[in-house]
Amino acid sequence: MKSARPCQVLVVEDEAIVRDYLQCCLEDCGYLVWSAASANEAIVRCNEADHIDLLLTDVHIAGSSGVDLANRLLGQFKNLQVLFISGDASLPPHALAKTQLLKKPFTPDALTNAVQSVLAGETAK
């Protein structure tokens, strides 16, 4: 009997301490986490992965925007879910329609709940 594959999450955050925090929180919950400090590095990571279930990205990242990166990766991973994080109160007007925003700072529980919600296909109200 095959075991279920772990959900794979790509974390894109240009602040190393925040990126490490996100990765640790998600790995503690059983997710397989890939991390990147920029849009270009994220694209390289995606080329190494057989699939990505969730893109967890800051809205503002080095080399691009999280929204632009999400649009690009949605072409590569058809079932990709997206969760944005930001210190800003809202997503930019050109953000994807079916996404959620988790406002910094947040607790590990808030992160876990948001990730589970997005992976379940729920969108922000």
PDB file of N, CA and C in Angstrom:
ATOM      1  N   MET A   1       0.840  -1.170   0.000  1.00  0.00           N
ATOM      2  CA  MET A   1       0.000   0.000   0.000  1.00  0.00           C
ATOM      3  C   MET A   1       0.892   1.242   0.000  1.00  0.00           C
ATOM      4  N   LYS A   2       0.620   2.161  -0.888  1.00  0.00           N
ATOM      5  CA  LYS A   2       1.394   3.387  -0.975  1.00  0.00           C
ATOM      6  C   LYS A   2       0.986   4.364   0.119  1.00  0.00           C
ATOM      7  N   SER A   3       1.983   5.037   0.681  1.00  0.00           N
ATOM      8  CA  SER A   3       1.651   6.088   1.640  1.00  0.00           C
ATOM      9  C   SER A   3       1.424   7.382   0.870  1.00  0.00           C
ATOM     10  N   ALA A   4       0.610   8.230   1.434  1.00  0.00           N
ATOM     11  CA  ALA A   4       0.315   9.508   0.789  1.00  0.00           C
ATOM     12  C   ALA A   4       1.585  10.349   0.739  1.00  0.00           C
ATOM     13  N   ARG A   5       1.786  11.022  -0.358  1.00  0.00           N
ATOM     14  CA  ARG A   5       2.968  11.876  -0.473  1.00  0.00           C
ATOM     15  C   ARG A   5       2.755  13.118   0.373  1.00  0.00           C
ATOM     16  N   PRO A   6       3.821  13.619   0.968  1.00  0.00           N
ATOM     17  CA  PRO A   6       3.661  14.834   1.771  1.00  0.00           C
ATOM     18  C   PRO A   6       3.389  16.030   0.869  1.00  0.00           C
ATOM     19  N   CYS A   7       2.633  16.964   1.372  1.00  0.00           N
ATOM     20  CA  CYS A   7       2.408  18.202   0.634  1.00  0.00           C
ATOM     21  C   CYS A   7       3.737  18.938   0.519  1.00  0.00           C
ATOM     22  N   GLN A   8       4.001  19.456  -0.669  1.00  0.00           N
ATOM     23  CA  GLN A   8       5.234  20.192  -0.891  1.00  0.00           C
ATOM     24  C   GLN A   8       4.920  21.680  -0.972  1.00  0.00           C
ATOM     25  N   VAL A   9       5.645  22.443  -0.183  1.00  0.00           N
ATOM     26  CA  VAL A   9       5.436  23.878  -0.085  1.00  0.00           C
ATOM     27  C   VAL A   9       6.702  24.590  -0.522  1.00  0.00           C
ATOM     28  N   LEU A  10       6.544  25.564  -1.383  1.00  0.00           N
ATOM     29  CA  LEU A  10       7.651  26.433  -1.769  1.00  0.00           C
ATOM     30  C   LEU A  10       7.489  27.746  -1.028  1.00  0.00           C
ATOM     31  N   VAL A  11       8.437  28.055  -0.155  1.00  0.00           N
ATOM     32  CA  VAL A  11       8.444  29.295   0.617  1.00  0.00           C
ATOM     33  C   VAL A  11       9.387  30.277  -0.072  1.00  0.00           C
ATOM     34  N   VAL A  12       8.858  31.458  -0.405  1.00  0.00           N
ATOM     35  CA  VAL A  12       9.682  32.495  -1.028  1.00  0.00           C
ATOM     36  C   VAL A  12       9.622  33.739  -0.149  1.00  0.00           C
ATOM     37  N   GLU A  13      10.743  34.036   0.465  1.00  0.00           N
ATOM     38  CA  GLU A  13      10.846  35.158   1.413  1.00  0.00           C
ATOM     39  C   GLU A  13      12.289  35.647   1.374  1.00  0.00           C
ATOM     40  N   ASP A  14      12.485  36.954   1.164  1.00  0.00           N
ATOM     41  CA  ASP A  14      13.856  37.448   1.045  1.00  0.00           C
ATOM     42  C   ASP A  14      14.535  37.722   2.387  1.00  0.00           C
ATOM     43  N   GLU A  15      13.790  37.746   3.478  1.00  0.00           N
ATOM     44  CA  GLU A  15      14.395  37.898   4.798  1.00  0.00           C
ATOM     45  C   GLU A  15      14.699  36.507   5.353  1.00  0.00           C
ATOM     46  N   ALA A  16      15.995  36.223   5.530  1.00  0.00           N
ATOM     47  CA  ALA A  16      16.438  34.879   5.918  1.00  0.00           C
ATOM     48  C   ALA A  16      15.802  34.398   7.216  1.00  0.00           C
ATOM     49  N   ILE A  17      15.725  35.243   8.212  1.00  0.00           N
ATOM     50  CA  ILE A  17      15.181  34.814   9.505  1.00  0.00           C
ATOM     51  C   ILE A  17      13.700  34.453   9.387  1.00  0.00           C
ATOM     52  N   VAL A  18      12.963  35.185   8.580  1.00  0.00           N
ATOM     53  CA  VAL A  18      11.539  34.882   8.362  1.00  0.00           C
ATOM     54  C   VAL A  18      11.407  33.600   7.542  1.00  0.00           C
ATOM     55  N   ARG A  19      12.237  33.465   6.515  1.00  0.00           N
ATOM     56  CA  ARG A  19      12.208  32.269   5.667  1.00  0.00           C
ATOM     57  C   ARG A  19      12.498  31.017   6.500  1.00  0.00           C
ATOM     58  N   ASP A  20      13.509  31.086   7.370  1.00  0.00           N
ATOM     59  CA  ASP A  20      13.858  29.944   8.220  1.00  0.00           C
ATOM     60  C   ASP A  20      12.725  29.612   9.195  1.00  0.00           C
ATOM     61  N   TYR A  21      12.102  30.648   9.754  1.00  0.00           N
ATOM     62  CA  TYR A  21      10.965  30.466  10.666  1.00  0.00           C
ATOM     63  C   TYR A  21       9.821  29.745   9.945  1.00  0.00           C
ATOM     64  N   LEU A  22       9.491  30.203   8.749  1.00  0.00           N
ATOM     65  CA  LEU A  22       8.405  29.585   7.977  1.00  0.00           C
ATOM     66  C   LEU A  22       8.722  28.130   7.675  1.00  0.00           C
ATOM     67  N   GLN A  23       9.957  27.889   7.253  1.00  0.00           N
ATOM     68  CA  GLN A  23      10.349  26.528   6.913  1.00  0.00           C
ATOM     69  C   GLN A  23      10.260  25.615   8.131  1.00  0.00           C
ATOM     70  N   CYS A  24      10.767  26.058   9.272  1.00  0.00           N
ATOM     71  CA  CYS A  24      10.710  25.232  10.497  1.00  0.00           C
ATOM     72  C   CYS A  24       9.273  24.943  10.916  1.00  0.00           C
ATOM     73  N   CYS A  25       8.432  25.970  10.907  1.00  0.00           N
ATOM     74  CA  CYS A  25       7.024  25.781  11.293  1.00  0.00           C
ATOM     75  C   CYS A  25       6.345  24.750  10.397  1.00  0.00           C
ATOM     76  N   LEU A  26       6.559  24.869   9.103  1.00  0.00           N
ATOM     77  CA  LEU A  26       5.896  23.969   8.157  1.00  0.00           C
ATOM     78  C   LEU A  26       6.455  22.553   8.221  1.00  0.00           C
ATOM     79  N   GLU A  27       7.766  22.419   8.371  1.00  0.00           N
ATOM     80  CA  GLU A  27       8.354  21.088   8.492  1.00  0.00           C
ATOM     81  C   GLU A  27       7.876  20.405   9.766  1.00  0.00           C
ATOM     82  N   ASP A  28       7.712  21.174  10.851  1.00  0.00           N
ATOM     83  CA  ASP A  28       7.188  20.605  12.095  1.00  0.00           C
ATOM     84  C   ASP A  28       5.775  20.042  11.914  1.00  0.00           C
ATOM     85  N   CYS A  29       5.048  20.562  10.927  1.00  0.00           N
ATOM     86  CA  CYS A  29       3.690  20.095  10.635  1.00  0.00           C
ATOM     87  C   CYS A  29       3.665  18.971   9.599  1.00  0.00           C
ATOM     88  N   GLY A  30       4.843  18.541   9.144  1.00  0.00           N
ATOM     89  CA  GLY A  30       4.919  17.415   8.220  1.00  0.00           C
ATOM     90  C   GLY A  30       4.991  17.765   6.747  1.00  0.00           C
ATOM     91  N   TYR A  31       5.084  19.041   6.422  1.00  0.00           N
ATOM     92  CA  TYR A  31       5.199  19.448   5.022  1.00  0.00           C
ATOM     93  C   TYR A  31       6.641  19.304   4.548  1.00  0.00           C
ATOM     94  N   LEU A  32       6.809  18.987   3.285  1.00  0.00           N
ATOM     95  CA  LEU A  32       8.116  19.003   2.644  1.00  0.00           C
ATOM     96  C   LEU A  32       8.300  20.412   2.105  1.00  0.00           C
ATOM     97  N   VAL A  33       9.327  21.108   2.563  1.00  0.00           N
ATOM     98  CA  VAL A  33       9.469  22.523   2.259  1.00  0.00           C
ATOM     99  C   VAL A  33      10.704  22.792   1.412  1.00  0.00           C
ATOM    100  N   TRP A  34      10.482  23.529   0.355  1.00  0.00           N
ATOM    101  CA  TRP A  34      11.546  24.086  -0.471  1.00  0.00           C
ATOM    102  C   TRP A  34      11.567  25.570  -0.133  1.00  0.00           C
ATOM    103  N   SER A  35      12.729  26.180  -0.080  1.00  0.00           N
ATOM    104  CA  SER A  35      12.748  27.610   0.226  1.00  0.00           C
ATOM    105  C   SER A  35      13.625  28.353  -0.770  1.00  0.00           C
ATOM    106  N   ALA A  36      13.287  29.618  -0.953  1.00  0.00           N
ATOM    107  CA  ALA A  36      14.014  30.469  -1.889  1.00  0.00           C
ATOM    108  C   ALA A  36      13.990  31.907  -1.372  1.00  0.00           C
ATOM    109  N   ALA A  37      15.051  32.641  -1.685  1.00  0.00           N
ATOM    110  CA  ALA A  37      15.177  34.026  -1.244  1.00  0.00           C
ATOM    111  C   ALA A  37      14.733  35.025  -2.307  1.00  0.00           C
ATOM    112  N   SER A  38      14.487  34.551  -3.519  1.00  0.00           N
ATOM    113  CA  SER A  38      14.110  35.451  -4.612  1.00  0.00           C
ATOM    114  C   SER A  38      13.247  34.700  -5.617  1.00  0.00           C
ATOM    115  N   ALA A  39      12.666  35.452  -6.536  1.00  0.00           N
ATOM    116  CA  ALA A  39      11.858  34.843  -7.591  1.00  0.00           C
ATOM    117  C   ALA A  39      12.716  33.926  -8.466  1.00  0.00           C
ATOM    118  N   ASN A  40      13.911  34.378  -8.799  1.00  0.00           N
ATOM    119  CA  ASN A  40      14.788  33.554  -9.641  1.00  0.00           C
ATOM    120  C   ASN A  40      15.157  32.244  -8.956  1.00  0.00           C
ATOM    121  N   GLU A  41      15.466  32.315  -7.672  1.00  0.00           N
ATOM    122  CA  GLU A  41      15.793  31.099  -6.931  1.00  0.00           C
ATOM    123  C   GLU A  41      14.564  30.191  -6.828  1.00  0.00           C
ATOM    124  N   ALA A  42      13.388  30.767  -6.692  1.00  0.00           N
ATOM    125  CA  ALA A  42      12.150  29.985  -6.629  1.00  0.00           C
ATOM    126  C   ALA A  42      11.939  29.200  -7.925  1.00  0.00           C
ATOM    127  N   ILE A  43      12.219  29.821  -9.029  1.00  0.00           N
ATOM    128  CA  ILE A  43      12.057  29.152 -10.324  1.00  0.00           C
ATOM    129  C   ILE A  43      13.020  27.977 -10.437  1.00  0.00           C
ATOM    130  N   VAL A  44      14.256  28.155  -9.962  1.00  0.00           N
ATOM    131  CA  VAL A  44      15.228  27.062  -9.948  1.00  0.00           C
ATOM    132  C   VAL A  44      14.717  25.921  -9.069  1.00  0.00           C
ATOM    133  N   ARG A  45      14.205  26.238  -7.889  1.00  0.00           N
ATOM    134  CA  ARG A  45      13.671  25.208  -6.986  1.00  0.00           C
ATOM    135  C   ARG A  45      12.527  24.441  -7.651  1.00  0.00           C
ATOM    136  N   CYS A  46      11.678  25.156  -8.362  1.00  0.00           N
ATOM    137  CA  CYS A  46      10.549  24.504  -9.042  1.00  0.00           C
ATOM    138  C   CYS A  46      11.030  23.537 -10.110  1.00  0.00           C
ATOM    139  N   ASN A  47      12.122  23.859 -10.758  1.00  0.00           N
ATOM    140  CA  ASN A  47      12.673  22.959 -11.769  1.00  0.00           C
ATOM    141  C   ASN A  47      13.261  21.703 -11.140  1.00  0.00           C
ATOM    142  N   GLU A  48      13.587  21.752  -9.840  1.00  0.00           N
ATOM    143  CA  GLU A  48      14.120  20.600  -9.119  1.00  0.00           C
ATOM    144  C   GLU A  48      13.007  19.734  -8.534  1.00  0.00           C
ATOM    145  N   ALA A  49      11.821  20.291  -8.384  1.00  0.00           N
ATOM    146  CA  ALA A  49      10.712  19.585  -7.725  1.00  0.00           C
ATOM    147  C   ALA A  49       9.833  18.888  -8.753  1.00  0.00           C
ATOM    148  N   ASP A  50       9.301  17.727  -8.371  1.00  0.00           N
ATOM    149  CA  ASP A  50       8.376  17.040  -9.268  1.00  0.00           C
ATOM    150  C   ASP A  50       6.986  17.666  -9.207  1.00  0.00           C
ATOM    151  N   HIS A  51       6.671  18.294  -8.079  1.00  0.00           N
ATOM    152  CA  HIS A  51       5.409  19.023  -7.944  1.00  0.00           C
ATOM    153  C   HIS A  51       5.529  19.995  -6.780  1.00  0.00           C
ATOM    154  N   ILE A  52       4.709  20.997  -6.804  1.00  0.00           N
ATOM    155  CA  ILE A  52       4.580  21.942  -5.702  1.00  0.00           C
ATOM    156  C   ILE A  52       3.081  22.082  -5.443  1.00  0.00           C
ATOM    157  N   ASP A  53       2.672  21.883  -4.201  1.00  0.00           N
ATOM    158  CA  ASP A  53       1.258  22.001  -3.861  1.00  0.00           C
ATOM    159  C   ASP A  53       0.875  23.419  -3.468  1.00  0.00           C
ATOM    160  N   LEU A  54       1.806  24.106  -2.784  1.00  0.00           N
ATOM    161  CA  LEU A  54       1.500  25.431  -2.264  1.00  0.00           C
ATOM    162  C   LEU A  54       2.690  26.357  -2.441  1.00  0.00           C
ATOM    163  N   LEU A  55       2.415  27.530  -2.965  1.00  0.00           N
ATOM    164  CA  LEU A  55       3.388  28.619  -2.996  1.00  0.00           C
ATOM    165  C   LEU A  55       3.049  29.546  -1.848  1.00  0.00           C
ATOM    166  N   LEU A  56       3.969  29.688  -0.903  1.00  0.00           N
ATOM    167  CA  LEU A  56       3.832  30.620   0.213  1.00  0.00           C
ATOM    168  C   LEU A  56       4.864  31.708  -0.021  1.00  0.00           C
ATOM    169  N   THR A  57       4.402  32.878  -0.430  1.00  0.00           N
ATOM    170  CA  THR A  57       5.335  33.917  -0.829  1.00  0.00           C
ATOM    171  C   THR A  57       4.966  35.269  -0.253  1.00  0.00           C
ATOM    172  N   ASP A  58       6.001  36.025   0.053  1.00  0.00           N
ATOM    173  CA  ASP A  58       5.796  37.411   0.436  1.00  0.00           C
ATOM    174  C   ASP A  58       5.297  38.141  -0.813  1.00  0.00           C
ATOM    175  N   VAL A  59       4.498  39.150  -0.617  1.00  0.00           N
ATOM    176  CA  VAL A  59       4.017  39.952  -1.747  1.00  0.00           C
ATOM    177  C   VAL A  59       5.189  40.684  -2.395  1.00  0.00           C
ATOM    178  N   HIS A  60       6.120  41.159  -1.568  1.00  0.00           N
ATOM    179  CA  HIS A  60       7.276  41.910  -2.054  1.00  0.00           C
ATOM    180  C   HIS A  60       8.526  41.061  -1.871  1.00  0.00           C
ATOM    181  N   ILE A  61       9.096  40.564  -2.982  1.00  0.00           N
ATOM    182  CA  ILE A  61      10.294  39.727  -2.926  1.00  0.00           C
ATOM    183  C   ILE A  61      11.355  40.272  -3.861  1.00  0.00           C
ATOM    184  N   ALA A  62      12.572  39.864  -3.606  1.00  0.00           N
ATOM    185  CA  ALA A  62      13.701  40.302  -4.433  1.00  0.00           C
ATOM    186  C   ALA A  62      13.543  39.789  -5.863  1.00  0.00           C
ATOM    187  N   GLY A  63      13.711  40.675  -6.812  1.00  0.00           N
ATOM    188  CA  GLY A  63      13.719  40.290  -8.218  1.00  0.00           C
ATOM    189  C   GLY A  63      12.369  40.230  -8.895  1.00  0.00           C
ATOM    190  N   SER A  64      11.301  40.459  -8.170  1.00  0.00           N
ATOM    191  CA  SER A  64       9.964  40.345  -8.755  1.00  0.00           C
ATOM    192  C   SER A  64       8.949  40.715  -7.682  1.00  0.00           C
ATOM    193  N   SER A  65       7.706  40.376  -7.957  1.00  0.00           N
ATOM    194  CA  SER A  65       6.684  40.455  -6.910  1.00  0.00           C
ATOM    195  C   SER A  65       6.148  39.040  -6.713  1.00  0.00           C
ATOM    196  N   GLY A  66       5.618  38.792  -5.531  1.00  0.00           N
ATOM    197  CA  GLY A  66       5.026  37.490  -5.270  1.00  0.00           C
ATOM    198  C   GLY A  66       3.876  37.180  -6.216  1.00  0.00           C
ATOM    199  N   VAL A  67       3.137  38.214  -6.591  1.00  0.00           N
ATOM    200  CA  VAL A  67       2.007  38.030  -7.506  1.00  0.00           C
ATOM    201  C   VAL A  67       2.509  37.607  -8.891  1.00  0.00           C
ATOM    202  N   ASP A  68       3.544  38.273  -9.382  1.00  0.00           N
ATOM    203  CA  ASP A  68       4.104  37.900 -10.691  1.00  0.00           C
ATOM    204  C   ASP A  68       4.661  36.481 -10.663  1.00  0.00           C
ATOM    205  N   LEU A  69       5.341  36.139  -9.568  1.00  0.00           N
ATOM    206  CA  LEU A  69       5.873  34.785  -9.428  1.00  0.00           C
ATOM    207  C   LEU A  69       4.742  33.760  -9.421  1.00  0.00           C
ATOM    208  N   ALA A  70       3.685  34.028  -8.678  1.00  0.00           N
ATOM    209  CA  ALA A  70       2.544  33.109  -8.628  1.00  0.00           C
ATOM    210  C   ALA A  70       1.946  32.901 -10.016  1.00  0.00           C
ATOM    211  N   ASN A  71       1.763  33.985 -10.752  1.00  0.00           N
ATOM    212  CA  ASN A  71       1.213  33.857 -12.107  1.00  0.00           C
ATOM    213  C   ASN A  71       2.102  32.988 -12.982  1.00  0.00           C
ATOM    214  N   ARG A  72       3.396  33.152 -12.857  1.00  0.00           N
ATOM    215  CA  ARG A  72       4.327  32.359 -13.667  1.00  0.00           C
ATOM    216  C   ARG A  72       4.261  30.878 -13.283  1.00  0.00           C
ATOM    217  N   LEU A  73       4.265  30.598 -11.982  1.00  0.00           N
ATOM    218  CA  LEU A  73       4.284  29.205 -11.533  1.00  0.00           C
ATOM    219  C   LEU A  73       2.953  28.494 -11.765  1.00  0.00           C
ATOM    220  N   LEU A  74       1.859  29.236 -11.795  1.00  0.00           N
ATOM    221  CA  LEU A  74       0.565  28.616 -12.088  1.00  0.00           C
ATOM    222  C   LEU A  74       0.540  28.010 -13.484  1.00  0.00           C
ATOM    223  N   GLY A  75       1.351  28.523 -14.381  1.00  0.00           N
ATOM    224  CA  GLY A  75       1.464  27.932 -15.711  1.00  0.00           C
ATOM    225  C   GLY A  75       2.209  26.607 -15.700  1.00  0.00           C
ATOM    226  N   GLN A  76       3.064  26.419 -14.715  1.00  0.00           N
ATOM    227  CA  GLN A  76       3.873  25.201 -14.604  1.00  0.00           C
ATOM    228  C   GLN A  76       3.186  24.138 -13.740  1.00  0.00           C
ATOM    229  N   PHE A  77       2.511  24.572 -12.686  1.00  0.00           N
ATOM    230  CA  PHE A  77       1.853  23.654 -11.751  1.00  0.00           C
ATOM    231  C   PHE A  77       0.365  23.995 -11.715  1.00  0.00           C
ATOM    232  N   LYS A  78      -0.411  23.271 -12.468  1.00  0.00           N
ATOM    233  CA  LYS A  78      -1.828  23.591 -12.677  1.00  0.00           C
ATOM    234  C   LYS A  78      -2.655  23.613 -11.382  1.00  0.00           C
ATOM    235  N   ASN A  79      -2.331  22.754 -10.423  1.00  0.00           N
ATOM    236  CA  ASN A  79      -3.103  22.676  -9.186  1.00  0.00           C
ATOM    237  C   ASN A  79      -2.459  23.452  -8.038  1.00  0.00           C
ATOM    238  N   LEU A  80      -1.532  24.312  -8.352  1.00  0.00           N
ATOM    239  CA  LEU A  80      -0.827  25.092  -7.343  1.00  0.00           C
ATOM    240  C   LEU A  80      -1.791  25.997  -6.575  1.00  0.00           C
ATOM    241  N   GLN A  81      -1.673  25.968  -5.260  1.00  0.00           N
ATOM    242  CA  GLN A  81      -2.401  26.883  -4.391  1.00  0.00           C
ATOM    243  C   GLN A  81      -1.436  27.977  -3.962  1.00  0.00           C
ATOM    244  N   VAL A  82      -1.959  29.154  -3.656  1.00  0.00           N
ATOM    245  CA  VAL A  82      -1.103  30.302  -3.330  1.00  0.00           C
ATOM    246  C   VAL A  82      -1.570  30.956  -2.034  1.00  0.00           C
ATOM    247  N   LEU A  83      -0.604  31.199  -1.160  1.00  0.00           N
ATOM    248  CA  LEU A  83      -0.846  31.952   0.067  1.00  0.00           C
ATOM    249  C   LEU A  83       0.197  33.071   0.114  1.00  0.00           C
ATOM    250  N   PHE A  84      -0.282  34.309   0.128  1.00  0.00           N
ATOM    251  CA  PHE A  84       0.608  35.460   0.230  1.00  0.00           C
ATOM    252  C   PHE A  84       0.782  35.842   1.694  1.00  0.00           C
ATOM    253  N   ILE A  85       1.967  36.343   2.015  1.00  0.00           N
ATOM    254  CA  ILE A  85       2.219  36.925   3.326  1.00  0.00           C
ATOM    255  C   ILE A  85       2.762  38.329   3.103  1.00  0.00           C
ATOM    256  N   SER A  86       2.429  39.224   4.013  1.00  0.00           N
ATOM    257  CA  SER A  86       2.899  40.600   3.868  1.00  0.00           C
ATOM    258  C   SER A  86       2.646  41.375   5.146  1.00  0.00           C
ATOM    259  N   GLY A  87       3.464  42.391   5.349  1.00  0.00           N
ATOM    260  CA  GLY A  87       3.223  43.325   6.437  1.00  0.00           C
ATOM    261  C   GLY A  87       2.168  44.344   6.063  1.00  0.00           C
ATOM    262  N   ASP A  88       1.825  44.403   4.771  1.00  0.00           N
ATOM    263  CA  ASP A  88       0.781  45.308   4.297  1.00  0.00           C
ATOM    264  C   ASP A  88      -0.584  44.730   4.622  1.00  0.00           C
ATOM    265  N   ALA A  89      -1.569  45.585   4.687  1.00  0.00           N
ATOM    266  CA  ALA A  89      -2.914  45.156   5.078  1.00  0.00           C
ATOM    267  C   ALA A  89      -3.701  44.498   3.958  1.00  0.00           C
ATOM    268  N   SER A  90      -3.300  44.682   2.711  1.00  0.00           N
ATOM    269  CA  SER A  90      -4.094  44.133   1.615  1.00  0.00           C
ATOM    270  C   SER A  90      -3.197  43.723   0.457  1.00  0.00           C
ATOM    271  N   LEU A  91      -3.774  42.928  -0.426  1.00  0.00           N
ATOM    272  CA  LEU A  91      -3.066  42.515  -1.637  1.00  0.00           C
ATOM    273  C   LEU A  91      -3.140  43.626  -2.670  1.00  0.00           C
ATOM    274  N   PRO A  92      -2.153  43.710  -3.554  1.00  0.00           N
ATOM    275  CA  PRO A  92      -2.235  44.693  -4.618  1.00  0.00           C
ATOM    276  C   PRO A  92      -3.412  44.387  -5.541  1.00  0.00           C
ATOM    277  N   PRO A  93      -3.921  45.396  -6.240  1.00  0.00           N
ATOM    278  CA  PRO A  93      -5.111  45.202  -7.084  1.00  0.00           C
ATOM    279  C   PRO A  93      -4.966  44.119  -8.145  1.00  0.00           C
ATOM    280  N   HIS A  94      -3.734  43.861  -8.594  1.00  0.00           N
ATOM    281  CA  HIS A  94      -3.540  42.870  -9.659  1.00  0.00           C
ATOM    282  C   HIS A  94      -3.297  41.461  -9.109  1.00  0.00           C
ATOM    283  N   ALA A  95      -3.536  41.246  -7.824  1.00  0.00           N
ATOM    284  CA  ALA A  95      -3.343  39.922  -7.221  1.00  0.00           C
ATOM    285  C   ALA A  95      -4.360  38.929  -7.756  1.00  0.00           C
ATOM    286  N   LEU A  96      -4.029  37.683  -7.603  1.00  0.00           N
ATOM    287  CA  LEU A  96      -4.915  36.619  -8.061  1.00  0.00           C
ATOM    288  C   LEU A  96      -6.201  36.614  -7.255  1.00  0.00           C
ATOM    289  N   ALA A  97      -7.271  36.219  -7.888  1.00  0.00           N
ATOM    290  CA  ALA A  97      -8.588  36.255  -7.241  1.00  0.00           C
ATOM    291  C   ALA A  97      -8.728  35.218  -6.128  1.00  0.00           C
ATOM    292  N   LYS A  98      -8.280  34.003  -6.364  1.00  0.00           N
ATOM    293  CA  LYS A  98      -8.501  32.917  -5.409  1.00  0.00           C
ATOM    294  C   LYS A  98      -7.260  32.701  -4.551  1.00  0.00           C
ATOM    295  N   THR A  99      -6.961  33.668  -3.711  1.00  0.00           N
ATOM    296  CA  THR A  99      -5.807  33.567  -2.834  1.00  0.00           C
ATOM    297  C   THR A  99      -6.170  34.082  -1.450  1.00  0.00           C
ATOM    298  N   GLN A 100      -5.258  33.858  -0.529  1.00  0.00           N
ATOM    299  CA  GLN A 100      -5.416  34.416   0.806  1.00  0.00           C
ATOM    300  C   GLN A 100      -4.174  35.219   1.147  1.00  0.00           C
ATOM    301  N   LEU A 101      -4.344  36.158   2.057  1.00  0.00           N
ATOM    302  CA  LEU A 101      -3.243  36.960   2.560  1.00  0.00           C
ATOM    303  C   LEU A 101      -3.147  36.745   4.063  1.00  0.00           C
ATOM    304  N   LEU A 102      -1.957  36.400   4.527  1.00  0.00           N
ATOM    305  CA  LEU A 102      -1.689  36.273   5.946  1.00  0.00           C
ATOM    306  C   LEU A 102      -0.798  37.449   6.326  1.00  0.00           C
ATOM    307  N   LYS A 103      -1.320  38.303   7.197  1.00  0.00           N
ATOM    308  CA  LYS A 103      -0.617  39.527   7.548  1.00  0.00           C
ATOM    309  C   LYS A 103       0.433  39.260   8.614  1.00  0.00           C
ATOM    310  N   LYS A 104       1.655  39.746   8.358  1.00  0.00           N
ATOM    311  CA  LYS A 104       2.743  39.671   9.341  1.00  0.00           C
ATOM    312  C   LYS A 104       2.507  40.719  10.413  1.00  0.00           C
ATOM    313  N   PRO A 105       2.900  40.441  11.626  1.00  0.00           N
ATOM    314  CA  PRO A 105       3.415  39.167  12.139  1.00  0.00           C
ATOM    315  C   PRO A 105       2.274  38.191  12.426  1.00  0.00           C
ATOM    316  N   PHE A 106       2.596  36.916  12.446  1.00  0.00           N
ATOM    317  CA  PHE A 106       1.596  35.894  12.730  1.00  0.00           C
ATOM    318  C   PHE A 106       2.217  34.790  13.575  1.00  0.00           C
ATOM    319  N   THR A 107       1.361  34.033  14.234  1.00  0.00           N
ATOM    320  CA  THR A 107       1.802  32.930  15.085  1.00  0.00           C
ATOM    321  C   THR A 107       1.949  31.656  14.251  1.00  0.00           C
ATOM    322  N   PRO A 108       2.665  30.670  14.786  1.00  0.00           N
ATOM    323  CA  PRO A 108       2.724  29.382  14.079  1.00  0.00           C
ATOM    324  C   PRO A 108       1.337  28.783  13.846  1.00  0.00           C
ATOM    325  N   ASP A 109       0.430  28.934  14.816  1.00  0.00           N
ATOM    326  CA  ASP A 109      -0.933  28.409  14.634  1.00  0.00           C
ATOM    327  C   ASP A 109      -1.656  29.123  13.502  1.00  0.00           C
ATOM    328  N   ALA A 110      -1.508  30.433  13.417  1.00  0.00           N
ATOM    329  CA  ALA A 110      -2.147  31.184  12.333  1.00  0.00           C
ATOM    330  C   ALA A 110      -1.586  30.750  10.983  1.00  0.00           C
ATOM    331  N   LEU A 111      -0.284  30.515  10.917  1.00  0.00           N
ATOM    332  CA  LEU A 111       0.345  30.040   9.677  1.00  0.00           C
ATOM    333  C   LEU A 111      -0.217  28.678   9.298  1.00  0.00           C
ATOM    334  N   THR A 112      -0.228  27.772  10.247  1.00  0.00           N
ATOM    335  CA  THR A 112      -0.728  26.424   9.983  1.00  0.00           C
ATOM    336  C   THR A 112      -2.186  26.445   9.537  1.00  0.00           C
ATOM    337  N   ASN A 113      -3.005  27.215  10.213  1.00  0.00           N
ATOM    338  CA  ASN A 113      -4.424  27.315   9.833  1.00  0.00           C
ATOM    339  C   ASN A 113      -4.591  27.884   8.440  1.00  0.00           C
ATOM    340  N   ALA A 114      -3.819  28.915   8.093  1.00  0.00           N
ATOM    341  CA  ALA A 114      -3.917  29.513   6.762  1.00  0.00           C
ATOM    342  C   ALA A 114      -3.472  28.525   5.685  1.00  0.00           C
ATOM    343  N   VAL A 115      -2.392  27.814   5.940  1.00  0.00           N
ATOM    344  CA  VAL A 115      -1.907  26.823   4.968  1.00  0.00           C
ATOM    345  C   VAL A 115      -2.946  25.725   4.774  1.00  0.00           C
ATOM    346  N   GLN A 116      -3.497  25.202   5.844  1.00  0.00           N
ATOM    347  CA  GLN A 116      -4.513  24.155   5.733  1.00  0.00           C
ATOM    348  C   GLN A 116      -5.747  24.661   4.989  1.00  0.00           C
ATOM    349  N   SER A 117      -6.134  25.886   5.256  1.00  0.00           N
ATOM    350  CA  SER A 117      -7.293  26.483   4.593  1.00  0.00           C
ATOM    351  C   SER A 117      -7.070  26.604   3.084  1.00  0.00           C
ATOM    352  N   VAL A 118      -5.906  27.092   2.705  1.00  0.00           N
ATOM    353  CA  VAL A 118      -5.606  27.247   1.270  1.00  0.00           C
ATOM    354  C   VAL A 118      -5.527  25.881   0.591  1.00  0.00           C
ATOM    355  N   LEU A 119      -4.872  24.921   1.227  1.00  0.00           N
ATOM    356  CA  LEU A 119      -4.761  23.601   0.633  1.00  0.00           C
ATOM    357  C   LEU A 119      -6.116  22.909   0.526  1.00  0.00           C
ATOM    358  N   ALA A 120      -7.048  23.285   1.389  1.00  0.00           N
ATOM    359  CA  ALA A 120      -8.413  22.727   1.329  1.00  0.00           C
ATOM    360  C   ALA A 120      -9.250  23.418   0.252  1.00  0.00           C
ATOM    361  N   GLY A 121      -8.680  24.438  -0.380  1.00  0.00           N
ATOM    362  CA  GLY A 121      -9.397  25.126  -1.459  1.00  0.00           C
ATOM    363  C   GLY A 121     -10.249  26.272  -1.000  1.00  0.00           C
ATOM    364  N   GLU A 122     -10.096  26.676   0.246  1.00  0.00           N
ATOM    365  CA  GLU A 122     -10.875  27.811   0.751  1.00  0.00           C
ATOM    366  C   GLU A 122     -10.182  29.105   0.328  1.00  0.00           C
ATOM    367  N   THR A 123     -10.968  30.121   0.036  1.00  0.00           N
ATOM    368  CA  THR A 123     -10.418  31.425  -0.323  1.00  0.00           C
ATOM    369  C   THR A 123     -10.891  32.453   0.666  1.00  0.00           C
ATOM    370  N   ALA A 124     -10.187  33.558   0.673  1.00  0.00           N
ATOM    371  CA  ALA A 124     -10.560  34.646   1.586  1.00  0.00           C
ATOM    372  C   ALA A 124     -11.952  35.159   1.244  1.00  0.00           C
ATOM    373  N   LYS A 125     -12.679  35.533   2.243  1.00  0.00           N
ATOM    374  CA  LYS A 125     -14.028  36.064   2.042  1.00  0.00           C
ATOM    375  C   LYS A 125     -13.965  37.526   1.706  1.00  0.00           C
TER     376      LYS A 125
END
